[in-house]
N, C-alpha and C. Protein backbone atom coordinates (compact mmCIF):
# COMPACT_ATOMS: atom_id res chain seq x y z
N MET A 1 -10.63 -5.29 10.56
CA MET A 1 -9.31 -4.98 9.58
C MET A 1 -8.40 -6.16 10.50
N ASP A 2 -7.84 -7.03 10.12
CA ASP A 2 -6.89 -8.15 10.65
C ASP A 2 -5.95 -7.78 9.90
N VAL A 3 -4.74 -8.34 11.24
CA VAL A 3 -3.37 -8.41 10.58
C VAL A 3 -2.74 -10.04 11.16
N GLU A 4 -2.07 -10.45 10.20
CA GLU A 4 -1.12 -12.10 10.40
C GLU A 4 -0.35 -11.80 10.25
N TRP A 5 0.81 -12.31 10.75
CA TRP A 5 2.36 -12.59 10.17
C TRP A 5 1.75 -14.05 9.94
N ILE A 6 3.17 -14.10 9.11
CA ILE A 6 3.10 -15.54 7.97
C ILE A 6 4.92 -15.78 7.70
N VAL A 7 5.55 -17.00 8.35
CA VAL A 7 6.70 -17.26 8.11
C VAL A 7 6.49 -17.95 6.87
N VAL A 8 7.58 -17.42 5.55
CA VAL A 8 7.24 -18.26 4.21
C VAL A 8 8.46 -18.68 4.00
N ASN A 9 9.79 -18.61 4.48
CA ASN A 9 10.84 -19.44 4.35
C ASN A 9 11.58 -18.91 5.66
N ALA A 10 12.48 -20.42 5.85
CA ALA A 10 13.32 -20.24 6.61
C ALA A 10 14.56 -21.06 6.61
N LYS A 11 15.42 -20.47 6.33
CA LYS A 11 17.00 -20.62 5.53
C LYS A 11 17.59 -21.75 6.73
N ARG A 12 18.39 -22.90 6.56
CA ARG A 12 18.82 -23.20 7.95
C ARG A 12 20.38 -23.80 7.15
N MET A 13 21.10 -24.09 8.30
CA MET A 13 22.73 -25.09 7.81
C MET A 13 21.83 -26.44 7.45
N VAL A 14 22.07 -27.31 6.43
CA VAL A 14 21.62 -28.42 6.35
C VAL A 14 22.22 -29.51 7.39
N ASN A 15 23.38 -29.40 7.83
CA ASN A 15 24.14 -30.13 8.86
C ASN A 15 23.14 -30.06 10.12
N THR A 16 22.86 -28.96 10.72
CA THR A 16 22.43 -28.78 12.09
C THR A 16 21.02 -28.63 12.22
N GLY A 17 20.49 -28.00 11.05
CA GLY A 17 19.01 -27.76 11.14
C GLY A 17 19.09 -26.51 11.78
N TYR A 18 19.78 -25.48 12.01
CA TYR A 18 20.18 -24.20 12.31
C TYR A 18 19.45 -23.32 12.04
N VAL A 19 18.34 -22.54 12.18
CA VAL A 19 17.69 -21.42 11.26
C VAL A 19 18.44 -20.34 11.72
N PHE A 20 18.89 -19.59 10.42
CA PHE A 20 19.74 -18.43 10.73
C PHE A 20 19.65 -16.97 9.81
N GLU A 21 18.08 -16.94 9.09
CA GLU A 21 17.36 -16.25 8.24
C GLU A 21 15.96 -16.79 8.14
N THR A 22 15.11 -15.70 8.62
CA THR A 22 13.52 -16.43 7.84
C THR A 22 12.97 -15.15 7.49
N THR A 23 12.19 -15.17 6.17
CA THR A 23 11.51 -14.21 5.80
C THR A 23 10.37 -14.54 6.00
N VAL A 24 9.39 -13.43 6.44
CA VAL A 24 8.06 -13.07 7.34
C VAL A 24 6.90 -11.98 6.42
N HIS A 25 5.90 -12.48 6.09
CA HIS A 25 4.47 -11.35 5.54
C HIS A 25 3.97 -11.25 6.77
N CYS A 26 3.44 -9.89 6.90
CA CYS A 26 2.82 -8.73 7.45
C CYS A 26 1.60 -8.92 6.68
N VAL A 27 0.20 -9.03 6.73
CA VAL A 27 -0.42 -8.94 5.83
C VAL A 27 -1.87 -8.91 6.63
N ALA A 28 -2.45 -7.53 6.37
CA ALA A 28 -3.79 -7.08 6.75
C ALA A 28 -4.85 -6.83 5.83
N THR A 29 -5.58 -7.59 6.29
CA THR A 29 -7.52 -7.22 5.88
C THR A 29 -8.32 -6.62 6.12
N VAL A 30 -8.59 -5.79 5.41
CA VAL A 30 -9.78 -4.78 5.37
C VAL A 30 -11.32 -5.21 4.63
N THR A 31 -12.39 -4.78 4.78
CA THR A 31 -13.33 -5.34 4.41
C THR A 31 -14.36 -3.94 4.70
N SER A 32 -15.35 -3.93 3.47
CA SER A 32 -16.42 -3.15 3.12
C SER A 32 -17.51 -3.55 3.15
N GLY A 33 -18.49 -3.80 3.21
CA GLY A 33 -19.32 -4.95 3.06
C GLY A 33 -18.85 -6.43 2.31
N GLU A 34 -19.03 -6.22 1.56
CA GLU A 34 -18.27 -7.82 0.93
C GLU A 34 -17.33 -8.00 0.52
N ILE A 35 -16.68 -6.48 0.02
CA ILE A 35 -15.24 -6.59 -0.69
C ILE A 35 -14.28 -6.76 0.48
N VAL A 36 -13.45 -7.20 0.01
CA VAL A 36 -12.21 -8.14 1.23
C VAL A 36 -10.98 -7.28 0.16
N MET A 37 -9.80 -6.90 1.08
CA MET A 37 -8.74 -6.21 0.17
C MET A 37 -7.37 -6.84 1.36
N LYS A 38 -6.51 -6.77 0.80
CA LYS A 38 -5.12 -7.81 1.93
C LYS A 38 -4.47 -6.44 1.22
N GLY A 39 -3.00 -6.00 2.15
CA GLY A 39 -2.12 -5.65 1.77
C GLY A 39 -1.41 -6.11 2.66
N THR A 40 0.28 -6.49 2.23
CA THR A 40 1.26 -6.97 2.35
C THR A 40 2.47 -6.13 2.34
N THR A 41 3.32 -6.44 3.67
CA THR A 41 4.66 -5.93 3.62
C THR A 41 5.46 -7.13 4.28
N SER A 42 6.58 -6.58 3.78
CA SER A 42 7.97 -8.24 3.71
C SER A 42 9.11 -7.85 4.79
N ILE A 43 9.30 -8.68 5.35
CA ILE A 43 11.07 -8.62 6.34
C ILE A 43 11.52 -10.00 6.26
N SER A 44 12.93 -9.69 6.09
CA SER A 44 13.55 -10.85 6.15
C SER A 44 14.72 -10.52 7.36
N VAL A 45 14.96 -11.13 8.42
CA VAL A 45 15.68 -11.34 9.34
C VAL A 45 16.65 -12.27 9.85
N ASP A 46 17.83 -11.98 10.02
CA ASP A 46 19.26 -12.49 10.45
C ASP A 46 18.72 -12.91 12.06
N PHE A 47 19.46 -14.49 11.70
CA PHE A 47 19.83 -14.98 13.86
C PHE A 47 21.38 -14.86 13.06
N PRO A 48 22.37 -14.39 13.28
CA PRO A 48 23.43 -14.69 13.53
C PRO A 48 23.63 -15.64 14.49
N GLY A 49 24.83 -16.39 14.98
CA GLY A 49 25.66 -16.73 15.81
C GLY A 49 25.72 -18.25 15.63
N VAL A 50 25.33 -19.18 17.04
CA VAL A 50 25.32 -20.30 16.47
C VAL A 50 24.33 -21.26 17.43
N PRO A 51 24.02 -22.42 17.53
CA PRO A 51 22.86 -22.90 18.25
C PRO A 51 23.07 -22.66 19.62
N GLY A 52 22.29 -22.33 20.65
CA GLY A 52 22.66 -22.34 22.20
C GLY A 52 21.80 -23.33 22.56
N PRO A 53 21.77 -22.97 24.02
CA PRO A 53 21.44 -24.33 24.72
C PRO A 53 19.43 -24.55 24.25
N ASP A 54 18.94 -23.57 23.86
CA ASP A 54 17.62 -23.45 23.84
C ASP A 54 17.29 -23.85 22.50
N PHE A 55 18.49 -24.29 21.37
CA PHE A 55 18.34 -24.83 19.87
C PHE A 55 16.91 -25.91 19.86
N ILE A 56 16.53 -25.52 18.94
CA ILE A 56 15.30 -26.32 18.25
C ILE A 56 15.68 -26.79 16.91
N PRO A 57 15.49 -28.56 17.08
CA PRO A 57 15.69 -28.97 15.26
C PRO A 57 14.52 -28.33 14.51
N TYR A 58 15.25 -28.01 13.60
CA TYR A 58 14.44 -27.24 12.23
C TYR A 58 12.75 -28.19 12.12
N ASN A 59 13.20 -29.09 12.16
CA ASN A 59 11.58 -30.33 12.20
C ASN A 59 11.00 -29.95 13.21
N ASP A 60 11.77 -29.73 14.36
CA ASP A 60 10.67 -29.13 15.43
C ASP A 60 9.54 -27.75 15.55
N LEU A 61 10.11 -27.28 15.15
CA LEU A 61 10.16 -25.69 14.89
C LEU A 61 8.83 -25.54 14.80
N THR A 62 7.92 -24.29 15.16
CA THR A 62 6.33 -24.10 14.75
C THR A 62 6.87 -22.36 14.50
N GLN A 63 5.66 -22.34 13.65
CA GLN A 63 5.25 -20.58 13.13
C GLN A 63 5.41 -19.73 14.60
N ALA A 64 4.69 -20.12 15.29
CA ALA A 64 5.33 -19.14 16.02
C ALA A 64 6.49 -19.09 17.37
N GLU A 65 7.04 -20.40 17.00
CA GLU A 65 8.55 -20.14 17.70
C GLU A 65 9.32 -19.27 16.66
N ILE A 66 9.03 -19.26 15.10
CA ILE A 66 10.02 -18.26 14.51
C ILE A 66 9.21 -17.02 14.98
N LEU A 67 8.17 -16.88 14.55
CA LEU A 67 7.81 -15.67 14.67
C LEU A 67 7.89 -14.66 16.27
N ASP A 68 8.12 -15.53 17.03
CA ASP A 68 8.82 -14.82 18.61
C ASP A 68 10.04 -14.63 18.25
N TRP A 69 11.32 -15.27 17.25
CA TRP A 69 12.29 -14.65 17.17
C TRP A 69 12.38 -13.83 16.42
N VAL A 70 11.37 -13.57 15.49
CA VAL A 70 11.36 -12.24 14.56
C VAL A 70 10.96 -10.99 15.85
N PHE A 71 9.99 -11.42 16.03
CA PHE A 71 9.64 -10.09 16.59
C PHE A 71 10.66 -9.71 18.15
N ASN A 72 11.24 -10.35 18.65
CA ASN A 72 12.11 -10.07 19.61
C ASN A 72 13.44 -9.25 19.05
N THR A 73 13.43 -10.02 17.53
CA THR A 73 15.15 -9.00 16.69
C THR A 73 14.40 -7.69 16.12
N ILE A 74 13.31 -7.71 15.56
CA ILE A 74 12.87 -5.86 14.95
C ILE A 74 12.56 -5.14 15.72
N GLY A 75 11.97 -5.84 17.06
CA GLY A 75 11.40 -5.17 18.04
C GLY A 75 10.34 -4.23 18.18
N GLU A 76 9.32 -4.01 18.87
CA GLU A 76 7.72 -3.32 18.83
C GLU A 76 7.89 -2.15 18.11
N THR A 77 8.72 -1.39 17.52
CA THR A 77 9.08 -0.49 17.00
C THR A 77 8.65 -0.60 15.38
N THR A 78 9.53 -1.36 14.91
CA THR A 78 9.45 -1.95 13.53
C THR A 78 8.51 -2.89 13.40
N LYS A 79 7.85 -3.71 14.33
CA LYS A 79 6.72 -5.25 13.74
C LYS A 79 5.56 -3.67 13.50
N LEU A 80 5.15 -2.45 14.38
CA LEU A 80 4.26 -1.80 14.71
C LEU A 80 4.17 -1.07 13.35
N THR A 81 5.59 -0.49 12.51
CA THR A 81 5.91 -0.13 11.16
C THR A 81 5.18 -1.18 10.52
N LYS A 82 5.48 -2.46 10.29
CA LYS A 82 5.37 -2.94 8.98
C LYS A 82 4.04 -3.28 9.34
N GLU A 83 3.27 -3.40 10.29
CA GLU A 83 1.67 -3.65 10.31
C GLU A 83 1.12 -2.18 9.80
N GLU A 84 1.32 -1.08 10.13
CA GLU A 84 0.88 -0.03 9.73
C GLU A 84 1.16 -0.11 8.51
N GLY A 85 2.14 -0.25 7.82
CA GLY A 85 2.77 -0.21 6.38
C GLY A 85 1.72 -1.02 5.72
N ALA A 86 1.13 -2.61 6.51
CA ALA A 86 0.45 -3.18 5.51
C ALA A 86 -1.26 -2.92 5.83
N VAL A 87 -1.54 -2.58 6.59
CA VAL A 87 -2.76 -1.76 6.47
C VAL A 87 -3.17 -0.68 5.63
N THR A 88 -1.86 0.50 5.89
CA THR A 88 -2.21 1.79 4.48
C THR A 88 -2.04 0.77 3.43
N LEU A 89 -1.31 0.05 2.81
CA LEU A 89 -1.69 -0.52 1.59
C LEU A 89 -3.40 -1.39 1.06
N ALA A 90 -3.41 -1.93 2.37
CA ALA A 90 -4.37 -2.86 2.18
C ALA A 90 -6.16 -1.77 1.83
N ASN A 91 -5.65 -0.98 2.89
CA ASN A 91 -7.03 0.52 2.81
C ASN A 91 -6.51 1.07 1.36
N ALA A 92 -5.52 1.43 0.80
CA ALA A 92 -5.22 1.94 -0.08
C ALA A 92 -6.07 1.07 -1.65
N ASN A 93 -5.66 -0.33 -1.79
CA ASN A 93 -6.27 -1.20 -2.32
C ASN A 93 -7.87 -1.11 -2.52
N LEU A 94 -8.45 -1.37 -0.97
CA LEU A 94 -9.91 -1.12 -1.51
C LEU A 94 -10.72 0.18 -1.92
N ASN A 95 -9.71 1.09 -1.48
CA ASN A 95 -10.08 2.53 -2.04
C ASN A 95 -9.98 2.58 -3.44
N ALA A 96 -8.92 1.57 -4.11
CA ALA A 96 -9.17 2.11 -5.10
C ALA A 96 -10.03 1.11 -6.19
N PHE A 97 -10.30 0.41 -5.68
CA PHE A 97 -11.44 -0.74 -5.36
C PHE A 97 -12.95 0.08 -6.03
N LEU A 98 -12.76 0.50 -4.83
CA LEU A 98 -14.44 1.14 -4.69
C LEU A 98 -14.20 2.61 -5.19
N THR A 99 -12.95 3.14 -5.60
CA THR A 99 -13.58 4.44 -6.56
C THR A 99 -12.18 4.59 -7.52
N PRO A 100 -12.17 3.69 -8.79
CA PRO A 100 -11.50 3.41 -9.51
C PRO A 100 -11.37 4.77 -10.64
N THR A 101 -9.97 4.87 -10.87
CA THR A 101 -9.68 6.00 -11.90
C THR A 101 -9.30 5.14 -13.52
N THR A 102 -9.42 4.38 -13.43
CA THR A 102 -9.16 4.08 -15.10
C THR A 102 -10.67 2.86 -15.36
N GLU A 103 -10.76 2.18 -16.52
CA GLU A 103 -11.70 1.56 -17.12
C GLU A 103 -11.17 0.48 -17.97
N ASN A 104 -11.61 -0.30 -18.47
CA ASN A 104 -11.15 -0.82 -19.40
C ASN A 104 -12.50 -1.28 -20.50
N GLY A 105 -12.29 -1.43 -21.79
CA GLY A 105 -13.43 -1.45 -22.61
C GLY A 105 -13.62 -1.05 -23.70
N VAL A 106 -14.35 -0.95 -24.92
CA VAL A 106 -14.60 -0.03 -26.00
C VAL A 106 -16.23 0.43 -25.83
N PRO A 107 -15.69 1.76 -26.92
CA PRO A 107 -17.03 2.70 -26.72
C PRO A 107 -18.46 1.64 -27.44
N TRP A 108 -17.84 0.70 -28.50
CA TRP A 108 -18.99 0.46 -29.73
C TRP A 108 -19.52 -1.00 -28.71
N ILE A 109 -19.04 -1.40 -27.39
CA ILE A 109 -19.61 -2.75 -26.78
C ILE A 109 -20.08 -2.40 -25.66
N VAL A 110 -21.20 -1.84 -24.92
CA VAL A 110 -21.53 -1.73 -24.32
C VAL A 110 -22.23 -2.65 -23.33
């Protein structure tokens, strides 16, 4: 199992480049043999206030820096909850694939 956090959007002020909101996805990947399934949870985080002394211009930001902000804002408990949700979804997707409850087709074409 693998869990990856990805920044998918960073809302910013046009005149300053100050990022005040970001959306991230937590993607869990589970594998069974050659079958790979993913589960994704998302969260949007606000960064209220004004740029401080550690301000980083938008064009100089890295994903790692934004993720640090997100994790510091949401805390370890929410981070783990999001990761567990993504893993649960990935496992449910894998289980549904391995043990389908529905099928498509018509009986006269086999």
